[in-house]
C-alpha atoms as a PDB file:
ATOM      1  CA  MET A   1      -7.432 -28.898 -24.166  1.00  0.00           C
ATOM      2  CA  LYS A   2      -3.706 -29.547 -24.746  1.00  0.00           C
ATOM      3  CA  ASP A   3      -3.099 -25.909 -25.461  1.00  0.00           C
ATOM      4  CA  TYR A   4      -4.805 -24.716 -22.324  1.00  0.00           C
ATOM      5  CA  LEU A   5      -2.668 -27.111 -20.252  1.00  0.00           C
ATOM      6  CA  ILE A   6       0.518 -25.695 -21.925  1.00  0.00           C
ATOM      7  CA  VAL A   7      -0.634 -22.230 -20.797  1.00  0.00           C
ATOM      8  CA  LEU A   8      -1.402 -23.480 -17.337  1.00  0.00           C
ATOM      9  CA  ALA A   9       2.020 -25.114 -17.160  1.00  0.00           C
ATOM     10  CA  ALA A  10       3.701 -21.871 -18.193  1.00  0.00           C
ATOM     11  CA  LEU A  11       1.881 -20.037 -15.447  1.00  0.00           C
ATOM     12  CA  LEU A  12       2.854 -22.657 -12.881  1.00  0.00           C
ATOM     13  CA  VAL A  13       6.470 -22.267 -13.777  1.00  0.00           C
ATOM     14  CA  PHE A  14       6.089 -18.473 -13.634  1.00  0.00           C
ATOM     15  CA  PHE A  15       4.290 -18.313 -10.289  1.00  0.00           C
ATOM     16  CA  THR A  16       6.638 -20.807  -8.706  1.00  0.00           C
ATOM     17  CA  THR A  17       9.525 -18.654  -9.783  1.00  0.00           C
ATOM     18  CA  ALA A  18       7.784 -15.563  -8.311  1.00  0.00           C
ATOM     19  CA  PHE A  19       7.155 -17.495  -5.132  1.00  0.00           C
ATOM     20  CA  ALA A  20      10.886 -18.364  -4.858  1.00  0.00           C
ATOM     21  CA  ILE A  21      11.867 -14.731  -5.299  1.00  0.00           C
ATOM     22  CA  ALA A  22       9.356 -13.572  -2.683  1.00  0.00           C
ATOM     23  CA  GLN A  23      10.503 -16.060  -0.148  1.00  0.00           C
ATOM     24  CA  LYS A  24      14.167 -14.998  -0.712  1.00  0.00           C
ATOM     25  CA  ARG A  25      13.135 -11.418  -0.079  1.00  0.00           C
ATOM     26  CA  LYS A  26      10.731 -12.355   2.687  1.00  0.00           C
ATOM     27  CA  ASN A  27       7.934 -10.500   1.041  1.00  0.00           C
ATOM     28  CA  ASN A  28       4.823 -12.275  -0.178  1.00  0.00           C
ATOM     29  CA  GLY A  29       3.555  -8.874  -1.345  1.00  0.00           C
ATOM     30  CA  LEU A  30       5.723  -9.273  -4.427  1.00  0.00           C
ATOM     31  CA  ILE A  31       2.849 -11.380  -5.796  1.00  0.00           C
ATOM     32  CA  ASP A  32       1.234  -7.992  -6.695  1.00  0.00           C
ATOM     33  CA  ILE A  33       4.137  -7.344  -9.160  1.00  0.00           C
ATOM     34  CA  ALA A  34       3.818 -10.814 -10.574  1.00  0.00           C
ATOM     35  CA  TRP A  35      -0.017 -10.394 -11.180  1.00  0.00           C
ATOM     36  CA  GLY A  36       0.275  -8.291 -14.345  1.00  0.00           C
ATOM     37  CA  MET A  37       3.265 -10.256 -15.748  1.00  0.00           C
ATOM     38  CA  GLY A  38       1.295 -13.446 -15.345  1.00  0.00           C
ATOM     39  CA  PHE A  39      -1.188 -12.223 -17.843  1.00  0.00           C
ATOM     40  CA  VAL A  40       1.609 -11.383 -20.236  1.00  0.00           C
ATOM     41  CA  VAL A  41       2.982 -14.856 -19.884  1.00  0.00           C
ATOM     42  CA  ALA A  42      -0.468 -16.428 -20.483  1.00  0.00           C
ATOM     43  CA  ALA A  43      -1.221 -14.185 -23.529  1.00  0.00           C
ATOM     44  CA  LEU A  44       2.199 -14.693 -25.124  1.00  0.00           C
ATOM     45  CA  THR A  45       2.231 -18.447 -24.605  1.00  0.00           C
ATOM     46  CA  SER A  46      -1.195 -18.872 -26.169  1.00  0.00           C
ATOM     47  CA  LEU A  47      -0.219 -16.722 -29.088  1.00  0.00           C
ATOM     48  CA  ILE A  48       3.037 -18.674 -29.649  1.00  0.00           C
ATOM     49  CA  ILE A  49       1.473 -22.108 -29.509  1.00  0.00           C
ATOM     50  CA  THR A  50      -1.708 -21.368 -31.531  1.00  0.00           C
ATOM     51  CA  SER A  51      -2.198 -23.025 -34.908  1.00  0.00           C
ATOM     52  CA  GLU A  52      -4.790 -20.444 -35.808  1.00  0.00           C
ATOM     53  CA  PRO A  53      -3.197 -17.042 -35.411  1.00  0.00           C
ATOM     54  CA  SER A  54      -5.582 -14.127 -36.011  1.00  0.00           C
ATOM     55  CA  ILE A  55      -5.672 -10.340 -36.067  1.00  0.00           C
ATOM     56  CA  ARG A  56      -7.966 -10.452 -33.068  1.00  0.00           C
ATOM     57  CA  GLY A  57      -5.581 -12.578 -31.107  1.00  0.00           C
ATOM     58  CA  PHE A  58      -2.714 -10.265 -31.855  1.00  0.00           C
ATOM     59  CA  LEU A  59      -4.807  -7.267 -30.815  1.00  0.00           C
ATOM     60  CA  LEU A  60      -5.853  -8.804 -27.492  1.00  0.00           C
ATOM     61  CA  THR A  61      -2.347  -9.985 -26.784  1.00  0.00           C
ATOM     62  CA  PHE A  62      -0.992  -6.419 -27.513  1.00  0.00           C
ATOM     63  CA  LEU A  63      -3.581  -4.950 -25.211  1.00  0.00           C
ATOM     64  CA  VAL A  64      -2.681  -7.428 -22.426  1.00  0.00           C
ATOM     65  CA  LEU A  65       1.048  -6.519 -22.882  1.00  0.00           C
ATOM     66  CA  LEU A  66       0.368  -2.789 -22.635  1.00  0.00           C
ATOM     67  CA  TRP A  67      -1.692  -3.259 -19.508  1.00  0.00           C
ATOM     68  CA  GLY A  68       0.380  -6.095 -17.788  1.00  0.00           C
ATOM     69  CA  LEU A  69       3.846  -4.695 -18.458  1.00  0.00           C
ATOM     70  CA  ARG A  70       2.839  -1.172 -17.298  1.00  0.00           C
ATOM     71  CA  LEU A  71       1.112  -2.458 -14.161  1.00  0.00           C
ATOM     72  CA  SER A  72       3.991  -4.695 -13.120  1.00  0.00           C
ATOM     73  CA  TYR A  73       6.540  -1.896 -13.811  1.00  0.00           C
ATOM     74  CA  HIS A  74       4.442   0.563 -11.758  1.00  0.00           C
ATOM     75  CA  LEU A  75       4.188  -1.773  -8.817  1.00  0.00           C
ATOM     76  CA  PHE A  76       7.839  -2.832  -9.074  1.00  0.00           C
ATOM     77  CA  ARG A  77       9.034   0.762  -8.812  1.00  0.00           C
ATOM     78  CA  ARG A  78       6.589   1.296  -5.865  1.00  0.00           C
ATOM     79  CA  ASN A  79       7.009  -1.914  -3.923  1.00  0.00           C
ATOM     80  CA  TRP A  80      10.238  -3.683  -4.642  1.00  0.00           C
ATOM     81  CA  ASN A  81      12.370  -2.150  -1.918  1.00  0.00           C
ATOM     82  CA  LYS A  82       9.497  -1.536   0.534  1.00  0.00           C
ATOM     83  CA  GLU A  83       8.408  -3.600   3.485  1.00  0.00           C
ATOM     84  CA  GLU A  84       5.815  -6.342   2.972  1.00  0.00           C
ATOM     85  CA  ASP A  85       2.378  -4.942   2.529  1.00  0.00           C
ATOM     86  CA  TYR A  86       0.136  -4.859   5.560  1.00  0.00           C
ATOM     87  CA  ARG A  87      -2.298  -7.376   4.108  1.00  0.00           C
ATOM     88  CA  TYR A  88       0.455 -10.074   3.686  1.00  0.00           C
ATOM     89  CA  LYS A  89       1.982  -9.259   7.098  1.00  0.00           C
ATOM     90  CA  ALA A  90      -1.523  -9.925   8.667  1.00  0.00           C
ATOM     91  CA  MET A  91      -1.571 -13.233   6.774  1.00  0.00           C
ATOM     92  CA  ARG A  92       1.718 -14.280   8.220  1.00  0.00           C
ATOM     93  CA  GLU A  93       0.653 -13.406  11.723  1.00  0.00           C
ATOM     94  CA  LYS A  94      -2.550 -15.390  11.241  1.00  0.00           C
ATOM     95  CA  TRP A  95      -0.785 -18.431   9.848  1.00  0.00           C
ATOM     96  CA  GLY A  96       1.994 -18.547  12.521  1.00  0.00           C
ATOM     97  CA  ASP A  97       5.285 -20.372  12.037  1.00  0.00           C
ATOM     98  CA  SER A  98       3.941 -23.767  10.986  1.00  0.00           C
ATOM     99  CA  ASN A  99       5.008 -24.496   7.398  1.00  0.00           C
ATOM    100  CA  PRO A 100       5.125 -20.791   6.319  1.00  0.00           C
ATOM    101  CA  TYR A 101       6.511 -21.577   2.819  1.00  0.00           C
ATOM    102  CA  VAL A 102       3.935 -24.294   1.997  1.00  0.00           C
ATOM    103  CA  THR A 103       1.221 -22.030   3.369  1.00  0.00           C
ATOM    104  CA  ALA A 104       2.330 -19.077   1.312  1.00  0.00           C
ATOM    105  CA  TYR A 105       2.622 -21.162  -1.858  1.00  0.00           C
ATOM    106  CA  PHE A 106      -0.847 -22.695  -1.619  1.00  0.00           C
ATOM    107  CA  ARG A 107      -2.768 -19.818  -0.052  1.00  0.00           C
ATOM    108  CA  VAL A 108      -1.216 -16.840  -1.806  1.00  0.00           C
ATOM    109  CA  PHE A 109       0.520 -17.770  -5.044  1.00  0.00           C
ATOM    110  CA  MET A 110      -1.611 -20.722  -6.281  1.00  0.00           C
ATOM    111  CA  PRO A 111      -5.014 -18.976  -5.669  1.00  0.00           C
ATOM    112  CA  GLN A 112      -3.659 -16.077  -7.741  1.00  0.00           C
ATOM    113  CA  LEU A 113      -2.660 -18.463 -10.531  1.00  0.00           C
ATOM    114  CA  ILE A 114      -6.111 -19.960 -10.566  1.00  0.00           C
ATOM    115  CA  LEU A 115      -7.864 -16.545 -10.623  1.00  0.00           C
ATOM    116  CA  LEU A 116      -5.598 -15.304 -13.335  1.00  0.00           C
ATOM    117  CA  PHE A 117      -6.220 -18.429 -15.489  1.00  0.00           C
ATOM    118  CA  ILE A 118      -9.964 -17.852 -15.251  1.00  0.00           C
ATOM    119  CA  ILE A 119      -9.722 -14.046 -15.943  1.00  0.00           C
ATOM    120  CA  VAL A 120      -7.442 -14.511 -18.943  1.00  0.00           C
ATOM    121  CA  GLN A 121      -9.925 -16.870 -20.737  1.00  0.00           C
ATOM    122  CA  PRO A 122     -11.118 -14.297 -23.343  1.00  0.00           C
ATOM    123  CA  VAL A 123      -7.530 -13.828 -24.495  1.00  0.00           C
ATOM    124  CA  LEU A 124      -6.816 -17.493 -24.664  1.00  0.00           C
ATOM    125  CA  ARG A 125     -10.057 -18.124 -26.519  1.00  0.00           C
ATOM    126  CA  ALA A 126      -9.212 -15.532 -29.141  1.00  0.00           C
ATOM    127  CA  ASN A 127      -5.762 -16.888 -29.585  1.00  0.00           C
ATOM    128  CA  LEU A 128      -6.594 -20.637 -29.622  1.00  0.00           C
ATOM    129  CA  LYS A 129      -9.785 -20.574 -31.598  1.00  0.00           C
ATOM    130  CA  SER A 130     -10.317 -19.240 -35.090  1.00  0.00           C
ATOM    131  CA  GLY A 131     -12.556 -16.281 -35.539  1.00  0.00           C
ATOM    132  CA  GLY A 132     -13.630 -14.070 -38.496  1.00  0.00           C
ATOM    133  CA  PRO A 133     -12.318 -10.687 -39.419  1.00  0.00           C
ATOM    134  CA  LEU A 134     -12.598  -7.691 -37.114  1.00  0.00           C
ATOM    135  CA  GLY A 135     -15.990  -6.084 -36.953  1.00  0.00           C
ATOM    136  CA  VAL A 136     -17.929  -3.250 -35.234  1.00  0.00           C
ATOM    137  CA  LEU A 137     -18.117  -5.145 -31.962  1.00  0.00           C
ATOM    138  CA  ASP A 138     -14.375  -5.475 -31.827  1.00  0.00           C
ATOM    139  CA  PHE A 139     -13.954  -1.742 -32.143  1.00  0.00           C
ATOM    140  CA  VAL A 140     -16.600  -1.150 -29.540  1.00  0.00           C
ATOM    141  CA  GLY A 141     -14.605  -3.396 -27.099  1.00  0.00           C
ATOM    142  CA  LEU A 142     -11.372  -1.522 -28.052  1.00  0.00           C
ATOM    143  CA  ALA A 143     -13.014   1.790 -27.254  1.00  0.00           C
ATOM    144  CA  ILE A 144     -14.157   0.495 -23.909  1.00  0.00           C
ATOM    145  CA  TRP A 145     -10.636  -0.863 -23.187  1.00  0.00           C
ATOM    146  CA  LEU A 146      -9.067   2.474 -24.077  1.00  0.00           C
ATOM    147  CA  ILE A 147     -11.422   4.190 -21.553  1.00  0.00           C
ATOM    148  CA  GLY A 148     -10.385   1.764 -18.842  1.00  0.00           C
ATOM    149  CA  TYR A 149      -6.760   2.083 -19.714  1.00  0.00           C
ATOM    150  CA  PHE A 150      -7.020   5.867 -19.428  1.00  0.00           C
ATOM    151  CA  PHE A 151      -8.623   5.659 -15.965  1.00  0.00           C
ATOM    152  CA  GLU A 152      -6.045   3.264 -14.646  1.00  0.00           C
ATOM    153  CA  VAL A 153      -2.928   4.863 -16.063  1.00  0.00           C
ATOM    154  CA  VAL A 154      -3.934   8.506 -15.448  1.00  0.00           C
ATOM    155  CA  GLY A 155      -5.346   7.658 -12.022  1.00  0.00           C
ATOM    156  CA  ASP A 156      -2.085   5.902 -11.010  1.00  0.00           C
ATOM    157  CA  TRP A 157      -0.023   8.837 -12.353  1.00  0.00           C
ATOM    158  CA  GLN A 158      -2.122  11.420 -10.552  1.00  0.00           C
ATOM    159  CA  LEU A 159      -1.792   9.583  -7.245  1.00  0.00           C
ATOM    160  CA  LYS A 160       2.012   9.155  -7.703  1.00  0.00           C
ATOM    161  CA  GLN A 161       2.378  12.905  -8.342  1.00  0.00           C
ATOM    162  CA  PHE A 162       0.267  13.749  -5.387  1.00  0.00           C
ATOM    163  CA  ILE A 163       2.206  11.459  -3.030  1.00  0.00           C
ATOM    164  CA  SER A 164       5.597  12.704  -4.281  1.00  0.00           C
ATOM    165  CA  LYS A 165       4.998  16.199  -2.904  1.00  0.00           C
ATOM    166  CA  PRO A 166       6.130  16.587   0.734  1.00  0.00           C
ATOM    167  CA  GLU A 167       3.285  18.966   1.438  1.00  0.00           C
ATOM    168  CA  ASN A 168       0.785  16.269   0.756  1.00  0.00           C
ATOM    169  CA  LYS A 169       2.161  13.766   3.365  1.00  0.00           C
ATOM    170  CA  GLY A 170      -0.721  12.419   5.468  1.00  0.00           C
ATOM    171  CA  ARG A 171      -3.293  13.998   3.148  1.00  0.00           C
ATOM    172  CA  LEU A 172      -5.951  12.227   1.032  1.00  0.00           C
ATOM    173  CA  MET A 173      -5.886  12.286  -2.774  1.00  0.00           C
ATOM    174  CA  LYS A 174      -9.160  14.002  -3.885  1.00  0.00           C
ATOM    175  CA  SER A 175      -8.446  15.848  -7.143  1.00  0.00           C
ATOM    176  CA  GLY A 176      -8.292  14.828 -10.807  1.00  0.00           C
ATOM    177  CA  LEU A 177      -9.908  11.519 -11.543  1.00  0.00           C
ATOM    178  CA  TRP A 178      -9.999  10.920  -7.817  1.00  0.00           C
ATOM    179  CA  SER A 179     -12.720  13.598  -7.461  1.00  0.00           C
ATOM    180  CA  TYR A 180     -15.037  11.474  -9.697  1.00  0.00           C
ATOM    181  CA  SER A 181     -14.309   8.093  -8.216  1.00  0.00           C
ATOM    182  CA  ARG A 182     -12.666   6.934  -4.968  1.00  0.00           C
ATOM    183  CA  HIS A 183     -11.039   4.154  -6.929  1.00  0.00           C
ATOM    184  CA  PRO A 184     -10.539   5.313 -10.555  1.00  0.00           C
ATOM    185  CA  ASN A 185      -7.658   2.859 -11.199  1.00  0.00           C
ATOM    186  CA  TYR A 186      -9.832  -0.127 -10.051  1.00  0.00           C
ATOM    187  CA  PHE A 187     -12.673   1.110 -12.247  1.00  0.00           C
ATOM    188  CA  GLY A 188     -10.245   1.316 -15.116  1.00  0.00           C
ATOM    189  CA  GLU A 189      -9.021  -2.241 -14.628  1.00  0.00           C
ATOM    190  CA  ALA A 190     -12.565  -3.733 -14.550  1.00  0.00           C
ATOM    191  CA  THR A 191     -13.516  -1.588 -17.593  1.00  0.00           C
ATOM    192  CA  MET A 192     -10.489  -2.942 -19.588  1.00  0.00           C
ATOM    193  CA  TRP A 193     -11.517  -6.525 -18.892  1.00  0.00           C
ATOM    194  CA  TRP A 194     -15.080  -5.787 -20.139  1.00  0.00           C
ATOM    195  CA  GLY A 195     -13.583  -4.382 -23.278  1.00  0.00           C
ATOM    196  CA  ILE A 196     -11.357  -7.499 -23.770  1.00  0.00           C
ATOM    197  CA  PHE A 197     -14.390  -9.741 -23.272  1.00  0.00           C
ATOM    198  CA  ILE A 198     -16.421  -7.829 -25.892  1.00  0.00           C
ATOM    199  CA  ILE A 199     -13.654  -8.237 -28.483  1.00  0.00           C
ATOM    200  CA  ALA A 200     -13.238 -11.933 -27.611  1.00  0.00           C
ATOM    201  CA  SER A 201     -17.060 -12.588 -27.690  1.00  0.00           C
ATOM    202  CA  THR A 202     -16.955 -12.316 -31.483  1.00  0.00           C
ATOM    203  CA  VAL A 203     -15.136 -15.639 -31.588  1.00  0.00           C
ATOM    204  CA  PRO A 204     -17.744 -18.479 -31.811  1.00  0.00           C
ATOM    205  CA  GLY A 205     -18.465 -20.168 -28.544  1.00  0.00           C
ATOM    206  CA  SER A 206     -16.837 -17.554 -26.427  1.00  0.00           C
ATOM    207  CA  LEU A 207     -19.804 -16.149 -24.491  1.00  0.00           C
ATOM    208  CA  PHE A 208     -18.837 -18.260 -21.426  1.00  0.00           C
ATOM    209  CA  THR A 209     -15.752 -16.050 -21.016  1.00  0.00           C
ATOM    210  CA  ILE A 210     -17.980 -13.401 -19.580  1.00  0.00           C
ATOM    211  CA  VAL A 211     -16.907 -15.044 -16.295  1.00  0.00           C
ATOM    212  CA  SER A 212     -13.647 -13.056 -16.705  1.00  0.00           C
ATOM    213  CA  PRO A 213     -14.993  -9.475 -16.419  1.00  0.00           C
ATOM    214  CA  LEU A 214     -17.640 -10.623 -13.909  1.00  0.00           C
ATOM    215  CA  LEU A 215     -14.978 -12.085 -11.683  1.00  0.00           C
ATOM    216  CA  ILE A 216     -12.457  -9.209 -11.906  1.00  0.00           C
ATOM    217  CA  THR A 217     -15.161  -6.698 -11.232  1.00  0.00           C
ATOM    218  CA  TYR A 218     -16.430  -8.782  -8.189  1.00  0.00           C
ATOM    219  CA  LEU A 219     -12.957  -9.058  -6.764  1.00  0.00           C
ATOM    220  CA  LEU A 220     -12.200  -5.422  -7.148  1.00  0.00           C
ATOM    221  CA  LEU A 221     -15.623  -4.264  -5.826  1.00  0.00           C
ATOM    222  CA  PHE A 222     -16.186  -6.742  -2.992  1.00  0.00           C
ATOM    223  CA  VAL A 223     -12.962  -8.669  -2.101  1.00  0.00           C
ATOM    224  CA  SER A 224      -9.430  -7.424  -2.689  1.00  0.00           C
ATOM    225  CA  GLY A 225      -9.669  -3.954  -4.038  1.00  0.00           C
ATOM    226  CA  VAL A 226     -12.281  -1.443  -2.879  1.00  0.00           C
ATOM    227  CA  PRO A 227     -13.167  -2.954   0.556  1.00  0.00           C
ATOM    228  CA  LEU A 228      -9.560  -3.166   1.802  1.00  0.00           C
ATOM    229  CA  LEU A 229      -8.732   0.484   0.933  1.00  0.00           C
ATOM    230  CA  GLU A 230     -12.004   1.753   2.201  1.00  0.00           C
ATOM    231  CA  LYS A 231     -11.299   0.064   5.514  1.00  0.00           C
ATOM    232  CA  LYS A 232      -7.690   1.363   5.564  1.00  0.00           C
ATOM    233  CA  TYR A 233      -8.800   5.006   5.191  1.00  0.00           C
ATOM    234  CA  GLN A 234     -12.075   5.005   7.131  1.00  0.00           C
ATOM    235  CA  ASN A 235     -10.512   6.711  10.076  1.00  0.00           C
ATOM    236  CA  HIS A 236      -8.682   9.356   8.040  1.00  0.00           C
ATOM    237  CA  PRO A 237      -9.781  12.856   9.073  1.00  0.00           C
ATOM    238  CA  GLU A 238     -10.537  13.783   5.446  1.00  0.00           C
ATOM    239  CA  TRP A 239     -12.389  10.547   4.585  1.00  0.00           C
ATOM    240  CA  LYS A 240     -15.867  11.155   5.690  1.00  0.00           C
ATOM    241  CA  GLU A 241     -16.347  14.288   3.621  1.00  0.00           C
ATOM    242  CA  TYR A 242     -14.549  12.807   0.686  1.00  0.00           C
ATOM    243  CA  ALA A 243     -16.716   9.635   0.729  1.00  0.00           C
ATOM    244  CA  GLU A 244     -19.939  11.688   0.936  1.00  0.00           C
ATOM    245  CA  LYS A 245     -18.948  13.748  -2.144  1.00  0.00           C
ATOM    246  CA  THR A 246     -17.338  11.150  -4.347  1.00  0.00           C
ATOM    247  CA  SER A 247     -18.650   7.967  -6.072  1.00  0.00           C
ATOM    248  CA  ILE A 248     -17.200   4.926  -4.655  1.00  0.00           C
ATOM    249  CA  PHE A 249     -16.408   3.163  -8.079  1.00  0.00           C
ATOM    250  CA  PHE A 250     -18.133   4.400 -11.190  1.00  0.00           C
ATOM    251  CA  PRO A 251     -16.919   7.962 -12.133  1.00  0.00           C
ATOM    252  CA  LEU A 252     -19.695  10.496 -11.422  1.00  0.00           C
ATOM    253  CA  PRO A 253     -19.666  14.282 -10.897  1.00  0.00           C
ATOM    254  CA  PRO A 254     -18.845  15.172  -7.244  1.00  0.00           C
ATOM    255  CA  LYS A 255     -21.841  15.900  -5.006  1.00  0.00           C
ATOM    256  CA  LYS A 256     -22.176  19.499  -3.866  1.00  0.00           C
END
């Protein structure tokens, strides 16, 4: 329990720092940049304080670093000098001028901390509890993680290349991985956490950490990911045809 509290304390310091930076820049949307880095903080902290280091723990920490650092860097380059995202602007308008800092801290940054702490449980379990040597299930999980990483990284890269071309301004991304899924990057993120869970599940007493991939999949499919973007683009002139042909989440061949 002590080790988990240390990780929680590290996350509290990190998210409070992110909150202070966001308020200075008047942009609560910067929490999106902090999201991936928060996992890096949790993974590294648990690895540093563990009394039972293992190859599995090192592996999962490395995977989290690959994912978290890339995601935060990608969002930093995209969002740092931009206006606050429309979602957070809407929150500000809804809350009004009464205690905006306190409200942002407890309704934006602290909920993200709690969600992150739940989702990162497989990594903490692998780092803080002794497990046996790597086995077949670990490599199955690694293969699934690599599939997810491919979809997120390539999906983000393809979208960036598409947006960077002036002739595509106002158009909808419908090629590459985006022709198989309307949200290939979200599919990739969920898939990675299923892979991480499978690796961590080989540590005795870790089956409860299935809450991690279940939660991130639920959030992406029904709360903060897919629904918001689907709503954002539903009035786009190309959307109806694209949605009819393309799977919403799981990659499938486009319909004729």
